Amino acid sequence: MLLDDLDRARAQKLLELDPFNLMFDFNTLAASAVGTIVAVTTNNDSDFVMRYSNYSAYSAVGVPVVDPDYLVAFTDGSAARGLQDNPIHLRTCLGTAERPFVWPTPKLFKGGSTIQIALTNLTALAARVTIALMGFKVFYFKGYTRDDLGHY
């Protein structure tokens, strides 16, 4: 598994892992908006491994949205594929700050990849939505590369 391979390489001082969060800010998700996309490009200096994800949602006047009704779709630009076959409800793959969603398996995004998140607002209420993908950056040393980890 990816985490085992990373731990072995880290123990041999072939790579370093630094905590890191990627933030996606839907500054204003319009009421009834369909497929609003925010894209973030990972740093070229390292790969990014996603372990957890969460969201926050606030109305235009700054009041927390208690029961957000949004669909979300993730796309990994480096692989040119979605992480699911159809948009899914936000609560199935995004937790809260208090209880982040734990992905069943870590997802490695190559350095310089563009990750897109599309939101569809199923309500008549505009909101500011922030999504965080939490995990760590992978820095490779001594000629060790992503290819040495295996296929992820």
N, C-alpha and C. Protein backbone atom coordinates (compact mmCIF):
# COMPACT_ATOMS: atom_id res chain seq x y z
N MET A 1 0.83 -1.19 0.00
CA MET A 1 0.00 0.00 0.00
C MET A 1 0.87 1.26 0.00
N LEU A 2 0.31 2.34 -0.45
CA LEU A 2 1.06 3.59 -0.58
C LEU A 2 1.68 4.03 0.74
N LEU A 3 0.91 4.02 1.82
CA LEU A 3 1.44 4.51 3.10
C LEU A 3 2.60 3.63 3.58
N ASP A 4 2.50 2.33 3.39
CA ASP A 4 3.59 1.43 3.76
C ASP A 4 4.85 1.74 2.95
N ASP A 5 4.68 1.93 1.65
CA ASP A 5 5.83 2.24 0.78
C ASP A 5 6.45 3.58 1.18
N LEU A 6 5.63 4.56 1.48
CA LEU A 6 6.16 5.86 1.91
C LEU A 6 6.90 5.74 3.24
N ASP A 7 6.34 4.98 4.18
CA ASP A 7 7.00 4.81 5.48
C ASP A 7 8.36 4.13 5.34
N ARG A 8 8.44 3.09 4.50
CA ARG A 8 9.72 2.40 4.28
C ARG A 8 10.76 3.34 3.69
N ALA A 9 10.35 4.10 2.68
CA ALA A 9 11.28 5.03 2.03
C ALA A 9 11.69 6.14 2.99
N ARG A 10 10.78 6.58 3.81
CA ARG A 10 11.10 7.63 4.79
C ARG A 10 12.09 7.12 5.83
N ALA A 11 11.91 5.88 6.27
CA ALA A 11 12.84 5.28 7.24
C ALA A 11 14.26 5.19 6.66
N GLN A 12 14.34 5.04 5.35
CA GLN A 12 15.65 4.96 4.67
C GLN A 12 16.16 6.35 4.27
N LYS A 13 15.43 7.38 4.66
CA LYS A 13 15.76 8.77 4.36
C LYS A 13 15.83 9.05 2.85
N LEU A 14 14.92 8.40 2.12
CA LEU A 14 14.84 8.60 0.67
C LEU A 14 13.80 9.65 0.30
N LEU A 15 12.95 9.99 1.28
CA LEU A 15 11.95 11.02 1.04
C LEU A 15 11.54 11.62 2.38
N GLU A 16 10.87 12.76 2.30
CA GLU A 16 10.35 13.42 3.50
C GLU A 16 8.89 13.74 3.26
N LEU A 17 8.10 13.69 4.34
CA LEU A 17 6.68 13.99 4.27
C LEU A 17 6.40 15.21 5.13
N ASP A 18 5.78 16.22 4.55
CA ASP A 18 5.43 17.44 5.28
C ASP A 18 3.92 17.64 5.23
N PRO A 19 3.28 17.88 6.38
CA PRO A 19 1.84 18.14 6.38
C PRO A 19 1.50 19.30 5.43
N PHE A 20 0.37 19.17 4.73
CA PHE A 20 -0.01 20.20 3.77
C PHE A 20 -1.50 20.12 3.50
N ASN A 21 -2.13 21.27 3.27
CA ASN A 21 -3.54 21.36 2.92
C ASN A 21 -3.69 22.10 1.60
N LEU A 22 -4.54 21.60 0.74
CA LEU A 22 -4.92 22.32 -0.48
C LEU A 22 -6.31 22.89 -0.25
N MET A 23 -6.46 24.19 -0.49
CA MET A 23 -7.73 24.87 -0.23
C MET A 23 -8.41 25.25 -1.55
N PHE A 24 -9.70 24.98 -1.61
CA PHE A 24 -10.54 25.33 -2.76
C PHE A 24 -11.61 26.27 -2.24
N ASP A 25 -11.57 27.51 -2.70
CA ASP A 25 -12.48 28.53 -2.18
C ASP A 25 -13.52 28.90 -3.25
N PHE A 26 -14.75 28.49 -3.01
CA PHE A 26 -15.86 28.89 -3.86
C PHE A 26 -16.39 30.17 -3.23
N ASN A 27 -15.78 31.30 -3.60
CA ASN A 27 -16.04 32.57 -2.93
C ASN A 27 -17.52 32.89 -2.87
N THR A 28 -18.21 32.67 -3.96
CA THR A 28 -19.67 32.76 -3.93
C THR A 28 -20.21 31.67 -4.84
N LEU A 29 -20.79 30.65 -4.20
CA LEU A 29 -21.48 29.61 -4.95
C LEU A 29 -22.91 30.10 -5.12
N ALA A 30 -23.25 30.45 -6.34
CA ALA A 30 -24.56 31.05 -6.60
C ALA A 30 -25.69 30.08 -6.28
N ALA A 31 -26.83 30.64 -5.95
CA ALA A 31 -28.02 29.83 -5.73
C ALA A 31 -28.30 29.01 -6.98
N SER A 32 -28.56 27.73 -6.82
CA SER A 32 -28.89 26.81 -7.92
C SER A 32 -27.79 26.70 -8.97
N ALA A 33 -26.56 27.07 -8.62
CA ALA A 33 -25.44 26.97 -9.56
C ALA A 33 -25.18 25.51 -9.91
N VAL A 34 -24.83 25.26 -11.18
CA VAL A 34 -24.57 23.90 -11.64
C VAL A 34 -23.12 23.80 -12.11
N GLY A 35 -22.36 22.91 -11.49
CA GLY A 35 -21.00 22.62 -11.95
C GLY A 35 -20.01 23.76 -11.84
N THR A 36 -20.11 24.58 -10.80
CA THR A 36 -19.14 25.65 -10.59
C THR A 36 -17.79 25.02 -10.24
N ILE A 37 -16.74 25.36 -10.99
CA ILE A 37 -15.44 24.69 -10.84
C ILE A 37 -14.41 25.62 -10.22
N VAL A 38 -13.65 25.06 -9.28
CA VAL A 38 -12.45 25.70 -8.77
C VAL A 38 -11.32 24.71 -9.00
N ALA A 39 -10.23 25.19 -9.56
CA ALA A 39 -9.07 24.34 -9.85
C ALA A 39 -7.87 24.86 -9.08
N VAL A 40 -7.09 23.92 -8.53
CA VAL A 40 -5.86 24.24 -7.82
C VAL A 40 -4.76 23.37 -8.39
N THR A 41 -3.62 23.97 -8.67
CA THR A 41 -2.46 23.23 -9.17
C THR A 41 -1.51 22.97 -8.01
N THR A 42 -1.12 21.71 -7.86
CA THR A 42 -0.18 21.36 -6.80
C THR A 42 1.19 21.91 -7.13
N ASN A 43 2.01 22.11 -6.10
CA ASN A 43 3.36 22.62 -6.30
C ASN A 43 4.19 21.63 -7.11
N ASN A 44 5.07 22.17 -7.95
CA ASN A 44 5.95 21.33 -8.76
C ASN A 44 7.06 20.68 -7.94
N ASP A 45 7.34 21.22 -6.75
CA ASP A 45 8.49 20.74 -5.98
C ASP A 45 8.24 19.42 -5.27
N SER A 46 7.00 18.90 -5.32
CA SER A 46 6.67 17.69 -4.57
C SER A 46 5.36 17.12 -5.06
N ASP A 47 5.10 15.88 -4.67
CA ASP A 47 3.79 15.28 -4.88
C ASP A 47 2.92 15.61 -3.67
N PHE A 48 1.62 15.41 -3.82
CA PHE A 48 0.69 15.64 -2.72
C PHE A 48 -0.12 14.37 -2.50
N VAL A 49 -0.20 13.93 -1.24
CA VAL A 49 -1.01 12.76 -0.89
C VAL A 49 -2.19 13.25 -0.05
N MET A 50 -3.40 13.00 -0.55
CA MET A 50 -4.62 13.38 0.16
C MET A 50 -5.03 12.24 1.08
N ARG A 51 -5.29 12.57 2.35
CA ARG A 51 -5.76 11.59 3.33
C ARG A 51 -7.16 11.92 3.83
N TYR A 52 -7.44 13.21 3.98
CA TYR A 52 -8.69 13.67 4.59
C TYR A 52 -9.27 14.81 3.76
N SER A 53 -10.55 15.09 3.97
CA SER A 53 -11.15 16.26 3.33
C SER A 53 -12.25 16.80 4.23
N ASN A 54 -12.48 18.11 4.11
CA ASN A 54 -13.57 18.73 4.85
C ASN A 54 -14.09 19.94 4.10
N TYR A 55 -15.16 20.50 4.61
CA TYR A 55 -15.76 21.69 3.99
C TYR A 55 -16.28 22.61 5.09
N SER A 56 -16.46 23.85 4.70
CA SER A 56 -17.25 24.80 5.50
C SER A 56 -18.10 25.58 4.52
N ALA A 57 -19.28 25.97 4.97
CA ALA A 57 -20.20 26.71 4.11
C ALA A 57 -20.88 27.80 4.94
N TYR A 58 -20.87 29.01 4.39
CA TYR A 58 -21.49 30.16 5.06
C TYR A 58 -22.37 30.89 4.08
N SER A 59 -23.47 31.42 4.58
CA SER A 59 -24.36 32.22 3.74
C SER A 59 -23.66 33.54 3.40
N ALA A 60 -24.28 34.30 2.52
CA ALA A 60 -23.70 35.58 2.10
C ALA A 60 -23.53 36.55 3.26
N VAL A 61 -24.32 36.39 4.31
CA VAL A 61 -24.20 37.28 5.47
C VAL A 61 -23.34 36.67 6.58
N GLY A 62 -22.67 35.54 6.29
CA GLY A 62 -21.74 34.97 7.24
C GLY A 62 -22.30 33.98 8.24
N VAL A 63 -23.52 33.52 8.02
CA VAL A 63 -24.13 32.54 8.92
C VAL A 63 -23.79 31.14 8.41
N PRO A 64 -23.34 30.24 9.30
CA PRO A 64 -23.04 28.88 8.84
C PRO A 64 -24.25 28.21 8.20
N VAL A 65 -24.01 27.53 7.09
CA VAL A 65 -25.06 26.74 6.44
C VAL A 65 -25.10 25.41 7.17
N VAL A 66 -26.17 25.17 7.89
CA VAL A 66 -26.26 24.00 8.77
C VAL A 66 -26.40 22.70 8.00
N ASP A 67 -27.19 22.69 6.97
CA ASP A 67 -27.44 21.46 6.23
C ASP A 67 -27.22 21.71 4.73
N PRO A 68 -25.96 21.81 4.30
CA PRO A 68 -25.70 22.12 2.89
C PRO A 68 -26.18 21.01 1.98
N ASP A 69 -26.75 21.40 0.88
CA ASP A 69 -27.27 20.44 -0.09
C ASP A 69 -26.56 20.69 -1.42
N TYR A 70 -25.35 20.13 -1.55
CA TYR A 70 -24.51 20.35 -2.73
C TYR A 70 -24.06 19.00 -3.27
N LEU A 71 -23.85 18.97 -4.58
CA LEU A 71 -23.20 17.82 -5.22
C LEU A 71 -21.77 18.23 -5.52
N VAL A 72 -20.85 17.27 -5.43
CA VAL A 72 -19.44 17.54 -5.65
C VAL A 72 -18.86 16.52 -6.63
N ALA A 73 -17.93 16.98 -7.46
CA ALA A 73 -17.22 16.10 -8.39
C ALA A 73 -15.75 16.49 -8.38
N PHE A 74 -14.88 15.50 -8.22
CA PHE A 74 -13.44 15.70 -8.20
C PHE A 74 -12.84 15.20 -9.51
N THR A 75 -11.85 15.94 -10.04
CA THR A 75 -11.13 15.50 -11.23
C THR A 75 -9.63 15.64 -10.98
N ASP A 76 -8.89 14.58 -11.25
CA ASP A 76 -7.43 14.60 -11.19
C ASP A 76 -6.93 14.92 -12.59
N GLY A 77 -6.43 16.15 -12.77
CA GLY A 77 -6.00 16.59 -14.09
C GLY A 77 -4.82 15.82 -14.64
N SER A 78 -3.92 15.32 -13.76
CA SER A 78 -2.75 14.60 -14.27
C SER A 78 -3.15 13.27 -14.88
N ALA A 79 -4.22 12.68 -14.38
CA ALA A 79 -4.70 11.41 -14.92
C ALA A 79 -5.88 11.62 -15.86
N ALA A 80 -6.37 12.86 -15.93
CA ALA A 80 -7.52 13.20 -16.78
C ALA A 80 -8.72 12.30 -16.49
N ARG A 81 -9.00 12.12 -15.19
CA ARG A 81 -10.15 11.30 -14.83
C ARG A 81 -10.78 11.79 -13.54
N GLY A 82 -12.06 11.49 -13.42
CA GLY A 82 -12.77 11.84 -12.21
C GLY A 82 -12.52 10.83 -11.11
N LEU A 83 -12.75 11.24 -9.88
CA LEU A 83 -12.60 10.32 -8.76
C LEU A 83 -13.90 9.59 -8.44
N GLN A 84 -14.94 9.87 -9.22
CA GLN A 84 -16.20 9.15 -9.10
C GLN A 84 -16.89 9.20 -10.46
N ASP A 85 -17.89 8.34 -10.65
CA ASP A 85 -18.53 8.29 -11.97
C ASP A 85 -19.57 9.39 -12.19
N ASN A 86 -20.12 9.94 -11.11
CA ASN A 86 -21.10 11.02 -11.18
C ASN A 86 -20.89 11.94 -9.98
N PRO A 87 -21.36 13.18 -10.07
CA PRO A 87 -21.31 14.03 -8.87
C PRO A 87 -22.06 13.35 -7.72
N ILE A 88 -21.50 13.48 -6.52
CA ILE A 88 -22.08 12.85 -5.34
C ILE A 88 -22.35 13.90 -4.28
N HIS A 89 -23.20 13.56 -3.32
CA HIS A 89 -23.53 14.54 -2.30
C HIS A 89 -22.30 14.86 -1.47
N LEU A 90 -22.15 16.12 -1.16
CA LEU A 90 -21.00 16.63 -0.42
C LEU A 90 -20.72 15.84 0.85
N ARG A 91 -21.73 15.43 1.55
CA ARG A 91 -21.53 14.75 2.84
C ARG A 91 -21.00 13.33 2.69
N THR A 92 -20.99 12.79 1.47
CA THR A 92 -20.46 11.44 1.29
C THR A 92 -18.95 11.41 1.18
N CYS A 93 -18.32 12.56 0.95
CA CYS A 93 -16.87 12.57 0.76
C CYS A 93 -16.17 13.78 1.38
N LEU A 94 -16.88 14.58 2.12
CA LEU A 94 -16.29 15.73 2.80
C LEU A 94 -16.82 15.78 4.23
N GLY A 95 -15.93 15.86 5.18
CA GLY A 95 -16.34 15.96 6.57
C GLY A 95 -16.35 17.41 7.01
N THR A 96 -16.39 17.59 8.31
CA THR A 96 -16.35 18.93 8.89
C THR A 96 -14.98 19.13 9.52
N ALA A 97 -14.73 20.33 10.01
CA ALA A 97 -13.46 20.59 10.69
C ALA A 97 -13.32 19.69 11.91
N GLU A 98 -14.42 19.44 12.59
CA GLU A 98 -14.38 18.60 13.77
C GLU A 98 -14.25 17.12 13.43
N ARG A 99 -14.80 16.72 12.29
CA ARG A 99 -14.79 15.31 11.88
C ARG A 99 -14.51 15.22 10.39
N PRO A 100 -13.23 15.36 10.00
CA PRO A 100 -12.89 15.28 8.57
C PRO A 100 -13.23 13.90 8.01
N PHE A 101 -13.55 13.88 6.73
CA PHE A 101 -13.77 12.61 6.03
C PHE A 101 -12.41 11.94 5.83
N VAL A 102 -12.33 10.65 6.15
CA VAL A 102 -11.11 9.87 5.95
C VAL A 102 -11.29 9.07 4.66
N TRP A 103 -10.45 9.32 3.67
CA TRP A 103 -10.56 8.60 2.39
C TRP A 103 -10.18 7.14 2.62
N PRO A 104 -10.86 6.20 1.96
CA PRO A 104 -10.59 4.78 2.19
C PRO A 104 -9.15 4.39 1.87
N THR A 105 -8.56 5.07 0.92
CA THR A 105 -7.16 4.87 0.59
C THR A 105 -6.57 6.22 0.22
N PRO A 106 -5.33 6.48 0.60
CA PRO A 106 -4.73 7.77 0.23
C PRO A 106 -4.65 7.92 -1.28
N LYS A 107 -4.73 9.14 -1.75
CA LYS A 107 -4.66 9.44 -3.19
C LYS A 107 -3.44 10.31 -3.44
N LEU A 108 -2.53 9.83 -4.29
CA LEU A 108 -1.34 10.59 -4.65
C LEU A 108 -1.61 11.41 -5.91
N PHE A 109 -1.35 12.71 -5.81
CA PHE A 109 -1.43 13.61 -6.97
C PHE A 109 -0.01 14.01 -7.32
N LYS A 110 0.36 13.88 -8.55
CA LYS A 110 1.71 14.23 -9.00
C LYS A 110 1.95 15.73 -8.85
N GLY A 111 3.20 16.09 -8.58
CA GLY A 111 3.57 17.50 -8.52
C GLY A 111 3.20 18.19 -9.83
N GLY A 112 2.64 19.39 -9.72
CA GLY A 112 2.21 20.14 -10.90
C GLY A 112 0.86 19.72 -11.45
N SER A 113 0.16 18.82 -10.77
CA SER A 113 -1.17 18.39 -11.22
C SER A 113 -2.21 19.46 -10.92
N THR A 114 -3.21 19.51 -11.75
CA THR A 114 -4.35 20.39 -11.48
C THR A 114 -5.50 19.53 -10.99
N ILE A 115 -5.98 19.87 -9.81
CA ILE A 115 -7.13 19.17 -9.23
C ILE A 115 -8.32 20.11 -9.37
N GLN A 116 -9.41 19.59 -9.91
CA GLN A 116 -10.62 20.39 -10.06
C GLN A 116 -11.71 19.84 -9.16
N ILE A 117 -12.42 20.74 -8.53
CA ILE A 117 -13.62 20.37 -7.77
C ILE A 117 -14.77 21.18 -8.34
N ALA A 118 -15.83 20.49 -8.71
CA ALA A 118 -17.04 21.13 -9.22
C ALA A 118 -18.16 20.95 -8.20
N LEU A 119 -18.85 22.05 -7.90
CA LEU A 119 -19.99 22.01 -6.98
C LEU A 119 -21.27 22.39 -7.70
N THR A 120 -22.31 21.70 -7.36
CA THR A 120 -23.65 22.04 -7.80
C THR A 120 -24.48 22.35 -6.56
N ASN A 121 -25.06 23.53 -6.53
CA ASN A 121 -25.86 23.98 -5.40
C ASN A 121 -27.32 23.59 -5.65
N LEU A 122 -27.85 22.70 -4.82
CA LEU A 122 -29.23 22.25 -4.99
C LEU A 122 -30.22 23.10 -4.23
N THR A 123 -29.75 24.23 -3.69
CA THR A 123 -30.62 25.11 -2.91
C THR A 123 -30.78 26.46 -3.61
N ALA A 124 -31.65 27.27 -3.07
CA ALA A 124 -31.86 28.63 -3.58
C ALA A 124 -31.09 29.65 -2.74
N LEU A 125 -30.07 29.19 -2.02
CA LEU A 125 -29.29 30.05 -1.15
C LEU A 125 -27.84 30.11 -1.63
N ALA A 126 -27.37 31.31 -1.94
CA ALA A 126 -25.95 31.48 -2.31
C ALA A 126 -25.10 31.27 -1.06
N ALA A 127 -23.87 30.80 -1.24
CA ALA A 127 -23.02 30.52 -0.09
C ALA A 127 -21.55 30.65 -0.47
N ARG A 128 -20.75 30.88 0.54
CA ARG A 128 -19.29 30.78 0.37
C ARG A 128 -18.89 29.42 0.92
N VAL A 129 -18.28 28.61 0.06
CA VAL A 129 -17.91 27.24 0.43
C VAL A 129 -16.40 27.10 0.29
N THR A 130 -15.78 26.54 1.32
CA THR A 130 -14.36 26.24 1.27
C THR A 130 -14.19 24.75 1.48
N ILE A 131 -13.40 24.14 0.61
CA ILE A 131 -13.10 22.71 0.72
C ILE A 131 -11.60 22.58 0.93
N ALA A 132 -11.22 21.75 1.89
CA ALA A 132 -9.81 21.50 2.16
C ALA A 132 -9.51 20.03 1.90
N LEU A 133 -8.47 19.78 1.12
CA LEU A 133 -7.92 18.44 0.98
C LEU A 133 -6.67 18.41 1.85
N MET A 134 -6.67 17.54 2.84
CA MET A 134 -5.60 17.53 3.83
C MET A 134 -4.76 16.28 3.67
N GLY A 135 -3.47 16.45 3.84
CA GLY A 135 -2.57 15.32 3.72
C GLY A 135 -1.15 15.78 3.92
N PHE A 136 -0.29 15.41 2.95
CA PHE A 136 1.11 15.80 3.07
C PHE A 136 1.77 15.86 1.70
N LYS A 137 2.84 16.66 1.66
CA LYS A 137 3.68 16.75 0.48
C LYS A 137 4.77 15.69 0.58
N VAL A 138 5.19 15.16 -0.55
CA VAL A 138 6.25 14.15 -0.60
C VAL A 138 7.44 14.76 -1.34
N PHE A 139 8.55 14.90 -0.62
CA PHE A 139 9.80 15.39 -1.21
C PHE A 139 10.75 14.21 -1.37
N TYR A 140 11.26 13.98 -2.58
CA TYR A 140 12.13 12.84 -2.86
C TYR A 140 13.60 13.26 -2.79
N PHE A 141 14.46 12.36 -2.27
CA PHE A 141 15.89 12.62 -2.13
C PHE A 141 16.71 11.54 -2.82
N LYS A 142 17.99 11.82 -3.00
CA LYS A 142 19.00 10.84 -3.42
C LYS A 142 18.62 10.08 -4.68
N GLY A 143 17.98 10.75 -5.61
CA GLY A 143 17.60 10.10 -6.86
C GLY A 143 16.37 9.22 -6.76
N TYR A 144 15.79 9.12 -5.57
CA TYR A 144 14.57 8.34 -5.38
C TYR A 144 13.42 9.11 -6.03
N THR A 145 12.53 8.42 -6.73
CA THR A 145 11.44 9.10 -7.44
C THR A 145 10.10 8.43 -7.14
N ARG A 146 9.06 9.05 -7.61
CA ARG A 146 7.71 8.50 -7.49
C ARG A 146 7.65 7.11 -8.11
N ASP A 147 8.37 6.89 -9.21
CA ASP A 147 8.35 5.59 -9.87
C ASP A 147 8.90 4.50 -8.97
N ASP A 148 9.81 4.84 -8.06
CA ASP A 148 10.35 3.84 -7.14
C ASP A 148 9.31 3.37 -6.12
N LEU A 149 8.25 4.14 -5.92
CA LEU A 149 7.19 3.75 -5.00
C LEU A 149 6.31 2.66 -5.57
N GLY A 150 6.28 2.54 -6.86
CA GLY A 150 5.34 1.64 -7.51
C GLY A 150 4.30 2.48 -8.23
N HIS A 151 3.24 1.85 -8.66
CA HIS A 151 2.22 2.55 -9.45
C HIS A 151 1.10 3.06 -8.53
N TYR A 152 1.04 4.39 -8.36
CA TYR A 152 -0.03 4.99 -7.55
C TYR A 152 -0.66 6.12 -8.30
